[in-house]
Amino acid sequence: MPHRLRMTTVIVGMTLLLVQLDATVLGVAIPTIAHDLKINPLSLHMTISLYQLTLAVFIPISGWAADRFGSKRLFVSAALLFMSMSV
């Protein structure tokens, strides 16, 4: 397996890990968020559904954007945006 292909596989795998980790953190944080907002945690059940829906919408859009702007540029921009929003 060429070095470049292995590196791409590692980068894509780490990206998928970050998406799953983000969804897990959201699920764990819901009770704390509800407590801070002084609402019932069950009223935030749509949060995870909306997160998954957002992923389902933006995955096809990202394919189009990668074709238009270049996959490397899009990936770096998305990673920077993700990190800045996570902070």
Protein backbone atom coordinates (compact mmCIF):
# COMPACT_ATOMS: atom_id res chain seq x y z
CA MET A 1 0.00 0.00 0.00
CA PRO A 2 1.52 3.35 -1.01
CA HIS A 3 2.36 5.82 1.75
CA ARG A 4 -0.06 8.45 0.44
CA LEU A 5 -2.99 5.99 0.47
CA ARG A 6 -2.20 4.94 4.04
CA MET A 7 -2.05 8.56 5.14
CA THR A 8 -5.38 9.31 3.48
CA THR A 9 -6.92 6.28 5.20
CA VAL A 10 -5.63 7.46 8.59
CA ILE A 11 -6.93 11.00 8.04
CA VAL A 12 -10.39 9.82 6.97
CA GLY A 13 -10.51 7.36 9.87
CA MET A 14 -9.59 10.04 12.37
CA THR A 15 -12.22 12.34 10.91
CA LEU A 16 -14.90 9.68 11.34
CA LEU A 17 -13.68 9.12 14.89
CA LEU A 18 -14.09 12.84 15.62
CA VAL A 19 -17.66 12.81 14.29
CA GLN A 20 -18.57 9.84 16.49
CA LEU A 21 -16.80 11.36 19.47
CA ASP A 22 -18.68 14.62 18.98
CA ALA A 23 -22.02 12.78 18.89
CA THR A 24 -21.08 10.85 22.03
CA VAL A 25 -20.06 14.01 23.87
CA LEU A 26 -23.37 15.60 22.89
CA GLY A 27 -25.27 12.63 24.31
CA VAL A 28 -23.34 12.73 27.56
CA ALA A 29 -23.61 16.53 27.89
CA ILE A 30 -27.39 16.74 27.47
CA PRO A 31 -28.18 16.37 31.21
CA THR A 32 -25.67 19.10 32.08
CA ILE A 33 -27.00 21.38 29.36
CA ALA A 34 -30.55 20.81 30.58
CA HIS A 35 -29.52 21.54 34.17
CA ASP A 36 -27.79 24.77 33.14
CA LEU A 37 -30.85 25.86 31.14
CA LYS A 38 -33.15 24.74 33.99
CA ILE A 39 -35.25 22.52 31.72
CA ASN A 40 -36.16 18.83 31.63
CA PRO A 41 -33.42 16.76 29.91
CA LEU A 42 -36.07 14.92 27.90
CA SER A 43 -37.00 18.17 26.21
CA LEU A 44 -33.58 18.14 24.54
CA HIS A 45 -34.08 14.78 22.80
CA MET A 46 -34.34 16.51 19.43
CA THR A 47 -30.75 17.75 19.79
CA ILE A 48 -29.22 14.41 18.81
CA SER A 49 -31.75 13.91 16.02
CA LEU A 50 -30.95 17.33 14.58
CA TYR A 51 -27.22 16.61 14.82
CA GLN A 52 -27.67 13.40 12.81
CA LEU A 53 -29.96 15.16 10.32
CA THR A 54 -27.35 17.88 9.83
CA LEU A 55 -24.74 15.22 9.08
CA ALA A 56 -27.09 13.54 6.59
CA VAL A 57 -27.65 16.84 4.78
CA PHE A 58 -24.04 18.02 4.69
CA ILE A 59 -22.39 14.76 3.61
CA PRO A 60 -23.78 14.96 0.03
CA ILE A 61 -23.14 18.71 -0.07
CA SER A 62 -19.52 18.11 0.92
CA GLY A 63 -19.05 15.87 -2.13
CA TRP A 64 -20.22 18.66 -4.41
CA ALA A 65 -18.06 21.21 -2.58
CA ALA A 66 -14.99 18.96 -2.83
CA ASP A 67 -15.47 18.75 -6.60
CA ARG A 68 -15.85 22.50 -6.86
CA PHE A 69 -13.22 23.81 -4.42
CA GLY A 70 -10.82 20.87 -4.08
CA SER A 71 -10.90 18.17 -1.45
CA LYS A 72 -7.75 19.26 0.40
CA ARG A 73 -8.86 22.88 0.70
CA LEU A 74 -12.35 21.83 1.81
CA PHE A 75 -11.00 19.32 4.35
CA VAL A 76 -8.61 21.82 5.93
CA SER A 77 -11.33 24.49 6.05
CA ALA A 78 -13.81 22.08 7.60
CA ALA A 79 -11.27 20.88 10.18
CA LEU A 80 -10.45 24.46 11.16
CA LEU A 81 -14.14 25.35 11.38
CA PHE A 82 -14.84 22.23 13.48
CA MET A 83 -11.98 23.02 15.87
CA SER A 84 -12.98 26.65 16.25
CA MET A 85 -16.61 25.74 16.96
CA SER A 86 -15.54 23.06 19.44
CA VAL A 87 -13.43 25.54 21.38
